[in-house]
Amino acid sequence: KTSQVVDIMLGALVEGIRHFHINFANMGSQWVDLEGRLFSLKLVEALAIMRQKNLHYLRDTICFTLRARPGQLTQCKEILSYLYMSSMPVPLWLLDVSGAGTSEIVLAWQEMSRAVFDGKVQAIGIYSGGPSEFAAVNGRGPVRPSVMALDLYPGVKLSKEQHTHLRSLDRCGIAIMTCCPFGPGNCLLKHPCIRSLATEMDLDPVMLLLKRS
């Protein structure tokens, strides 16, 4: 419900949260277009209500980032248009390439590149995938990826190919970003070694893992 979205976002603002990440990809592959459109309209409605009643919060460096699969760009563009008209910054839009084909990735990247040229988003990048998925967008359009986002966390196992790929991206100035600093299901927050180290360093386990990421 719109009222619930407004209440949740206002509660986060009161607690000091200024970055909101809208992850369409988590809504599943069975999420049909009509459901996506309805969600987008509800979210835009919630943002409008929040902006009208609490503009002083939104002036305080609030920003949004987005993540979506190739088939969810329509919903993203609706939200982007509203945020752009409301002068709310969107520093990053991630394309989730999990399970997507090359042609889907290329077409979606062209759409996202247009959003950069239109000034609606500052940078675009990809989430998941490896060398072949990255090659599908790098050099294929007018805008190159600025970010490679992966589920990285202490103890995660990467293949030799993945290590080589990430080192190559780092040398090219591509930012490597983690989307899962606390491990699957936030399991690392309860790990005895993490909790012990956090206590020794006089840190909250959350802050310790964020510093590590």
C-alpha atoms as a PDB file:
ATOM      1  CA  LYS A   1       0.000   0.000   0.000  1.00  0.00           C
ATOM      2  CA  THR A   2       1.131   3.560  -0.720  1.00  0.00           C
ATOM      3  CA  SER A   3       0.649   4.604   2.911  1.00  0.00           C
ATOM      4  CA  GLN A   4       2.916   1.772   4.069  1.00  0.00           C
ATOM      5  CA  VAL A   5       5.650   2.744   1.601  1.00  0.00           C
ATOM      6  CA  VAL A   6       5.467   6.364   2.789  1.00  0.00           C
ATOM      7  CA  ASP A   7       5.628   5.325   6.462  1.00  0.00           C
ATOM      8  CA  ILE A   8       8.602   3.011   5.845  1.00  0.00           C
ATOM      9  CA  MET A   9      10.546   5.643   3.913  1.00  0.00           C
ATOM     10  CA  LEU A  10       9.773   8.383   6.439  1.00  0.00           C
ATOM     11  CA  GLY A  11      10.885   6.113   9.272  1.00  0.00           C
ATOM     12  CA  ALA A  12      14.148   5.493   7.436  1.00  0.00           C
ATOM     13  CA  LEU A  13      14.666   9.224   6.872  1.00  0.00           C
ATOM     14  CA  VAL A  14      14.138   9.941  10.570  1.00  0.00           C
ATOM     15  CA  GLU A  15      16.779   7.297  11.371  1.00  0.00           C
ATOM     16  CA  GLY A  16      19.250   9.075   9.086  1.00  0.00           C
ATOM     17  CA  ILE A  17      18.957   6.968   5.915  1.00  0.00           C
ATOM     18  CA  ARG A  18      19.575   9.077   2.816  1.00  0.00           C
ATOM     19  CA  HIS A  19      20.205   6.371   0.195  1.00  0.00           C
ATOM     20  CA  PHE A  20      17.300   4.265  -1.086  1.00  0.00           C
ATOM     21  CA  HIS A  21      17.985   1.294  -3.358  1.00  0.00           C
ATOM     22  CA  ILE A  22      14.999   0.127  -5.439  1.00  0.00           C
ATOM     23  CA  ASN A  23      15.603  -3.480  -6.480  1.00  0.00           C
ATOM     24  CA  PHE A  24      13.112  -4.642  -9.091  1.00  0.00           C
ATOM     25  CA  ALA A  25      15.178  -7.790  -9.719  1.00  0.00           C
ATOM     26  CA  ASN A  26      14.188  -9.219  -6.323  1.00  0.00           C
ATOM     27  CA  MET A  27      10.561  -9.279  -7.418  1.00  0.00           C
ATOM     28  CA  GLY A  28      11.128 -12.417  -9.479  1.00  0.00           C
ATOM     29  CA  SER A  29      10.932 -13.463 -13.091  1.00  0.00           C
ATOM     30  CA  GLN A  30       7.211 -14.256 -12.801  1.00  0.00           C
ATOM     31  CA  TRP A  31       6.432 -10.604 -12.088  1.00  0.00           C
ATOM     32  CA  VAL A  32       4.268  -9.674 -15.084  1.00  0.00           C
ATOM     33  CA  ASP A  33       4.310  -6.257 -16.713  1.00  0.00           C
ATOM     34  CA  LEU A  34       0.942  -5.161 -15.302  1.00  0.00           C
ATOM     35  CA  GLU A  35       2.064  -5.889 -11.735  1.00  0.00           C
ATOM     36  CA  GLY A  36       5.281  -4.024 -12.402  1.00  0.00           C
ATOM     37  CA  ARG A  37       3.446  -0.994 -13.753  1.00  0.00           C
ATOM     38  CA  LEU A  38       1.146  -0.927 -10.727  1.00  0.00           C
ATOM     39  CA  PHE A  39       4.093  -1.138  -8.343  1.00  0.00           C
ATOM     40  CA  SER A  40       5.889   1.673 -10.171  1.00  0.00           C
ATOM     41  CA  LEU A  41       2.830   3.913 -10.068  1.00  0.00           C
ATOM     42  CA  LYS A  42       2.332   3.224  -6.352  1.00  0.00           C
ATOM     43  CA  LEU A  43       5.969   4.020  -5.637  1.00  0.00           C
ATOM     44  CA  VAL A  44       5.788   7.247  -7.635  1.00  0.00           C
ATOM     45  CA  GLU A  45       2.601   8.147  -5.732  1.00  0.00           C
ATOM     46  CA  ALA A  46       4.352   7.472  -2.422  1.00  0.00           C
ATOM     47  CA  LEU A  47       7.339   9.608  -3.415  1.00  0.00           C
ATOM     48  CA  ALA A  48       5.026  12.434  -4.431  1.00  0.00           C
ATOM     49  CA  ILE A  49       3.200  12.345  -1.092  1.00  0.00           C
ATOM     50  CA  MET A  50       6.475  12.243   0.810  1.00  0.00           C
ATOM     51  CA  ARG A  51       7.861  15.128  -1.225  1.00  0.00           C
ATOM     52  CA  GLN A  52       4.802  17.305  -0.618  1.00  0.00           C
ATOM     53  CA  LYS A  53       4.740  16.750   3.131  1.00  0.00           C
ATOM     54  CA  ASN A  54       8.409  16.320   3.980  1.00  0.00           C
ATOM     55  CA  LEU A  55      10.398  18.357   1.483  1.00  0.00           C
ATOM     56  CA  HIS A  56      12.929  19.333   4.152  1.00  0.00           C
ATOM     57  CA  TYR A  57      14.080  15.688   4.323  1.00  0.00           C
ATOM     58  CA  LEU A  58      14.410  15.351   0.562  1.00  0.00           C
ATOM     59  CA  ARG A  59      16.627  18.414   0.344  1.00  0.00           C
ATOM     60  CA  ASP A  60      19.104  16.753   2.675  1.00  0.00           C
ATOM     61  CA  THR A  61      21.261  14.880   0.121  1.00  0.00           C
ATOM     62  CA  ILE A  62      18.769  12.054  -0.460  1.00  0.00           C
ATOM     63  CA  CYS A  63      19.508   9.826  -3.461  1.00  0.00           C
ATOM     64  CA  PHE A  64      18.159   6.715  -5.165  1.00  0.00           C
ATOM     65  CA  THR A  65      19.807   3.820  -6.981  1.00  0.00           C
ATOM     66  CA  LEU A  66      18.054   1.203  -9.123  1.00  0.00           C
ATOM     67  CA  ARG A  67      18.576  -2.412 -10.115  1.00  0.00           C
ATOM     68  CA  ALA A  68      16.465  -4.251 -12.667  1.00  0.00           C
ATOM     69  CA  ARG A  69      16.471  -7.112 -15.153  1.00  0.00           C
ATOM     70  CA  PRO A  70      16.259  -6.388 -18.913  1.00  0.00           C
ATOM     71  CA  GLY A  71      12.502  -7.023 -18.925  1.00  0.00           C
ATOM     72  CA  GLN A  72      11.854  -4.522 -16.123  1.00  0.00           C
ATOM     73  CA  LEU A  73      13.166  -1.339 -17.741  1.00  0.00           C
ATOM     74  CA  THR A  74       9.701   0.104 -18.400  1.00  0.00           C
ATOM     75  CA  GLN A  75       8.975   0.260 -14.682  1.00  0.00           C
ATOM     76  CA  CYS A  76      12.409   1.731 -13.970  1.00  0.00           C
ATOM     77  CA  LYS A  77      12.011   4.455 -16.577  1.00  0.00           C
ATOM     78  CA  GLU A  78       8.731   5.605 -15.034  1.00  0.00           C
ATOM     79  CA  ILE A  79      10.378   6.023 -11.649  1.00  0.00           C
ATOM     80  CA  LEU A  80      13.443   7.659 -13.216  1.00  0.00           C
ATOM     81  CA  SER A  81      11.261  10.214 -14.987  1.00  0.00           C
ATOM     82  CA  TYR A  82       9.530  11.152 -11.734  1.00  0.00           C
ATOM     83  CA  LEU A  83      12.798  11.394  -9.800  1.00  0.00           C
ATOM     84  CA  TYR A  84      14.282  13.540 -12.584  1.00  0.00           C
ATOM     85  CA  MET A  85      11.286  15.919 -12.589  1.00  0.00           C
ATOM     86  CA  SER A  86      11.532  16.151  -8.794  1.00  0.00           C
ATOM     87  CA  SER A  87      15.297  16.905  -8.902  1.00  0.00           C
ATOM     88  CA  MET A  88      16.121  13.786  -6.873  1.00  0.00           C
ATOM     89  CA  PRO A  89      19.540  12.420  -7.903  1.00  0.00           C
ATOM     90  CA  VAL A  90      20.001   8.879  -9.221  1.00  0.00           C
ATOM     91  CA  PRO A  91      23.758   8.216  -9.188  1.00  0.00           C
ATOM     92  CA  LEU A  92      23.584   4.582 -10.366  1.00  0.00           C
ATOM     93  CA  TRP A  93      21.353   2.207 -12.349  1.00  0.00           C
ATOM     94  CA  LEU A  94      22.392  -1.453 -12.379  1.00  0.00           C
ATOM     95  CA  LEU A  95      21.361  -3.961 -15.044  1.00  0.00           C
ATOM     96  CA  ASP A  96      20.873  -7.400 -13.472  1.00  0.00           C
ATOM     97  CA  VAL A  97      22.135  -9.798 -16.164  1.00  0.00           C
ATOM     98  CA  SER A  98      21.451 -13.006 -14.197  1.00  0.00           C
ATOM     99  CA  GLY A  99      20.166 -15.548 -16.707  1.00  0.00           C
ATOM    100  CA  ALA A 100      19.793 -12.950 -19.483  1.00  0.00           C
ATOM    101  CA  GLY A 101      20.841 -13.564 -23.083  1.00  0.00           C
ATOM    102  CA  THR A 102      23.313 -11.386 -24.975  1.00  0.00           C
ATOM    103  CA  SER A 103      20.664  -9.773 -27.190  1.00  0.00           C
ATOM    104  CA  GLU A 104      18.540  -8.874 -24.138  1.00  0.00           C
ATOM    105  CA  ILE A 105      21.547  -7.341 -22.417  1.00  0.00           C
ATOM    106  CA  VAL A 106      22.582  -5.284 -25.460  1.00  0.00           C
ATOM    107  CA  LEU A 107      19.071  -3.877 -26.033  1.00  0.00           C
ATOM    108  CA  ALA A 108      18.638  -3.032 -22.346  1.00  0.00           C
ATOM    109  CA  TRP A 109      22.035  -1.328 -22.260  1.00  0.00           C
ATOM    110  CA  GLN A 110      21.047   0.926 -25.163  1.00  0.00           C
ATOM    111  CA  GLU A 111      17.941   2.014 -23.228  1.00  0.00           C
ATOM    112  CA  MET A 112      19.981   2.697 -20.102  1.00  0.00           C
ATOM    113  CA  SER A 113      22.573   4.663 -22.090  1.00  0.00           C
ATOM    114  CA  ARG A 114      19.808   6.991 -23.272  1.00  0.00           C
ATOM    115  CA  ALA A 115      18.893   7.678 -19.640  1.00  0.00           C
ATOM    116  CA  VAL A 116      22.486   8.828 -19.044  1.00  0.00           C
ATOM    117  CA  PHE A 117      22.370  11.163 -22.063  1.00  0.00           C
ATOM    118  CA  ASP A 118      19.003  12.520 -20.900  1.00  0.00           C
ATOM    119  CA  GLY A 119      20.548  13.356 -17.523  1.00  0.00           C
ATOM    120  CA  LYS A 120      18.178  11.087 -15.587  1.00  0.00           C
ATOM    121  CA  VAL A 121      20.960   8.908 -14.158  1.00  0.00           C
ATOM    122  CA  GLN A 122      24.629   9.656 -13.587  1.00  0.00           C
ATOM    123  CA  ALA A 123      26.173   6.224 -14.217  1.00  0.00           C
ATOM    124  CA  ILE A 124      25.168   2.720 -15.257  1.00  0.00           C
ATOM    125  CA  GLY A 125      26.663  -0.668 -14.490  1.00  0.00           C
ATOM    126  CA  ILE A 126      25.888  -4.360 -14.405  1.00  0.00           C
ATOM    127  CA  TYR A 127      25.093  -6.776 -11.619  1.00  0.00           C
ATOM    128  CA  SER A 128      26.201 -10.425 -11.758  1.00  0.00           C
ATOM    129  CA  GLY A 129      27.611 -12.172 -14.789  1.00  0.00           C
ATOM    130  CA  GLY A 130      31.205 -12.618 -15.897  1.00  0.00           C
ATOM    131  CA  PRO A 131      33.515 -11.723 -18.790  1.00  0.00           C
ATOM    132  CA  SER A 132      31.006 -12.596 -21.533  1.00  0.00           C
ATOM    133  CA  GLU A 133      28.185 -10.552 -19.993  1.00  0.00           C
ATOM    134  CA  PHE A 134      30.506  -7.617 -19.407  1.00  0.00           C
ATOM    135  CA  ALA A 135      31.771  -7.817 -22.983  1.00  0.00           C
ATOM    136  CA  ALA A 136      28.145  -7.599 -24.189  1.00  0.00           C
ATOM    137  CA  VAL A 137      27.900  -4.023 -22.880  1.00  0.00           C
ATOM    138  CA  ASN A 138      31.481  -2.768 -22.851  1.00  0.00           C
ATOM    139  CA  GLY A 139      32.151  -0.941 -26.098  1.00  0.00           C
ATOM    140  CA  ARG A 140      28.755  -1.880 -27.558  1.00  0.00           C
ATOM    141  CA  GLY A 141      27.140   1.488 -26.848  1.00  0.00           C
ATOM    142  CA  PRO A 142      27.962   5.145 -26.302  1.00  0.00           C
ATOM    143  CA  VAL A 143      28.153   4.696 -22.515  1.00  0.00           C
ATOM    144  CA  ARG A 144      30.524   2.208 -20.935  1.00  0.00           C
ATOM    145  CA  PRO A 145      29.799   0.542 -17.590  1.00  0.00           C
ATOM    146  CA  SER A 146      31.137   2.365 -14.545  1.00  0.00           C
ATOM    147  CA  VAL A 147      30.384  -0.378 -12.010  1.00  0.00           C
ATOM    148  CA  MET A 148      30.555  -4.172 -11.801  1.00  0.00           C
ATOM    149  CA  ALA A 149      28.387  -5.316  -8.890  1.00  0.00           C
ATOM    150  CA  LEU A 150      28.589  -8.809  -7.420  1.00  0.00           C
ATOM    151  CA  ASP A 151      27.614 -10.665  -4.264  1.00  0.00           C
ATOM    152  CA  LEU A 152      31.008 -10.342  -2.586  1.00  0.00           C
ATOM    153  CA  TYR A 153      31.608 -10.953   1.115  1.00  0.00           C
ATOM    154  CA  PRO A 154      34.321 -12.420   3.378  1.00  0.00           C
ATOM    155  CA  GLY A 155      34.686 -16.110   2.634  1.00  0.00           C
ATOM    156  CA  VAL A 156      33.006 -16.081  -0.781  1.00  0.00           C
ATOM    157  CA  LYS A 157      34.679 -18.422  -3.258  1.00  0.00           C
ATOM    158  CA  LEU A 158      35.639 -17.049  -6.660  1.00  0.00           C
ATOM    159  CA  SER A 159      37.009 -19.017  -9.578  1.00  0.00           C
ATOM    160  CA  LYS A 160      40.378 -18.228 -11.134  1.00  0.00           C
ATOM    161  CA  GLU A 161      38.545 -16.774 -14.132  1.00  0.00           C
ATOM    162  CA  GLN A 162      36.522 -14.484 -11.875  1.00  0.00           C
ATOM    163  CA  HIS A 163      39.647 -13.261 -10.063  1.00  0.00           C
ATOM    164  CA  THR A 164      41.331 -12.511 -13.393  1.00  0.00           C
ATOM    165  CA  HIS A 165      38.241 -10.704 -14.670  1.00  0.00           C
ATOM    166  CA  LEU A 166      37.910  -8.523 -11.562  1.00  0.00           C
ATOM    167  CA  ARG A 167      41.606  -7.597 -11.629  1.00  0.00           C
ATOM    168  CA  SER A 168      41.224  -6.622 -15.282  1.00  0.00           C
ATOM    169  CA  LEU A 169      38.232  -4.408 -14.505  1.00  0.00           C
ATOM    170  CA  ASP A 170      40.067  -2.782 -11.600  1.00  0.00           C
ATOM    171  CA  ARG A 171      42.997  -1.905 -13.872  1.00  0.00           C
ATOM    172  CA  CYS A 172      40.534  -0.274 -16.289  1.00  0.00           C
ATOM    173  CA  GLY A 173      39.078   1.910 -13.559  1.00  0.00           C
ATOM    174  CA  ILE A 174      35.775   0.014 -13.271  1.00  0.00           C
ATOM    175  CA  ALA A 175      34.461   0.177  -9.705  1.00  0.00           C
ATOM    176  CA  ILE A 176      33.856  -3.241  -8.104  1.00  0.00           C
ATOM    177  CA  MET A 177      30.835  -3.077  -5.805  1.00  0.00           C
ATOM    178  CA  THR A 178      29.426  -5.620  -3.387  1.00  0.00           C
ATOM    179  CA  CYS A 179      25.666  -6.080  -3.090  1.00  0.00           C
ATOM    180  CA  CYS A 180      25.892  -8.654  -0.308  1.00  0.00           C
ATOM    181  CA  PRO A 181      28.441  -7.488   2.313  1.00  0.00           C
ATOM    182  CA  PHE A 182      26.797  -9.455   5.145  1.00  0.00           C
ATOM    183  CA  GLY A 183      26.694 -12.798   3.311  1.00  0.00           C
ATOM    184  CA  PRO A 184      23.651 -14.823   2.223  1.00  0.00           C
ATOM    185  CA  GLY A 185      20.748 -14.077   4.540  1.00  0.00           C
ATOM    186  CA  ASN A 186      23.008 -11.747   6.584  1.00  0.00           C
ATOM    187  CA  CYS A 187      24.633 -14.872   8.025  1.00  0.00           C
ATOM    188  CA  LEU A 188      27.991 -13.176   8.707  1.00  0.00           C
ATOM    189  CA  LEU A 189      26.434 -10.840  11.277  1.00  0.00           C
ATOM    190  CA  LYS A 190      26.068 -13.848  13.595  1.00  0.00           C
ATOM    191  CA  HIS A 191      29.369 -15.521  12.736  1.00  0.00           C
ATOM    192  CA  PRO A 192      31.411 -15.975  15.955  1.00  0.00           C
ATOM    193  CA  CYS A 193      34.682 -14.850  14.338  1.00  0.00           C
ATOM    194  CA  ILE A 194      33.086 -11.662  13.001  1.00  0.00           C
ATOM    195  CA  ARG A 195      31.445 -10.892  16.333  1.00  0.00           C
ATOM    196  CA  SER A 196      34.680 -11.552  18.218  1.00  0.00           C
ATOM    197  CA  LEU A 197      36.718  -9.316  15.897  1.00  0.00           C
ATOM    198  CA  ALA A 198      34.078  -6.578  16.074  1.00  0.00           C
ATOM    199  CA  THR A 199      34.190  -6.660  19.876  1.00  0.00           C
ATOM    200  CA  GLU A 200      37.993  -6.521  19.832  1.00  0.00           C
ATOM    201  CA  MET A 201      37.904  -3.491  17.515  1.00  0.00           C
ATOM    202  CA  ASP A 202      35.005  -1.875  19.413  1.00  0.00           C
ATOM    203  CA  LEU A 203      32.849  -1.894  16.297  1.00  0.00           C
ATOM    204  CA  ASP A 204      29.355  -3.031  15.454  1.00  0.00           C
ATOM    205  CA  PRO A 205      29.544  -6.171  13.232  1.00  0.00           C
ATOM    206  CA  VAL A 206      27.636  -4.225  10.559  1.00  0.00           C
ATOM    207  CA  MET A 207      30.244  -1.463  10.477  1.00  0.00           C
ATOM    208  CA  LEU A 208      33.096  -3.964  10.490  1.00  0.00           C
ATOM    209  CA  LEU A 209      31.729  -5.753   7.417  1.00  0.00           C
ATOM    210  CA  LEU A 210      30.933  -2.494   5.633  1.00  0.00           C
ATOM    211  CA  LYS A 211      34.494  -1.271   6.226  1.00  0.00           C
ATOM    212  CA  ARG A 212      35.748  -4.584   4.857  1.00  0.00           C
ATOM    213  CA  SER A 213      33.568  -4.326   1.747  1.00  0.00           C
END
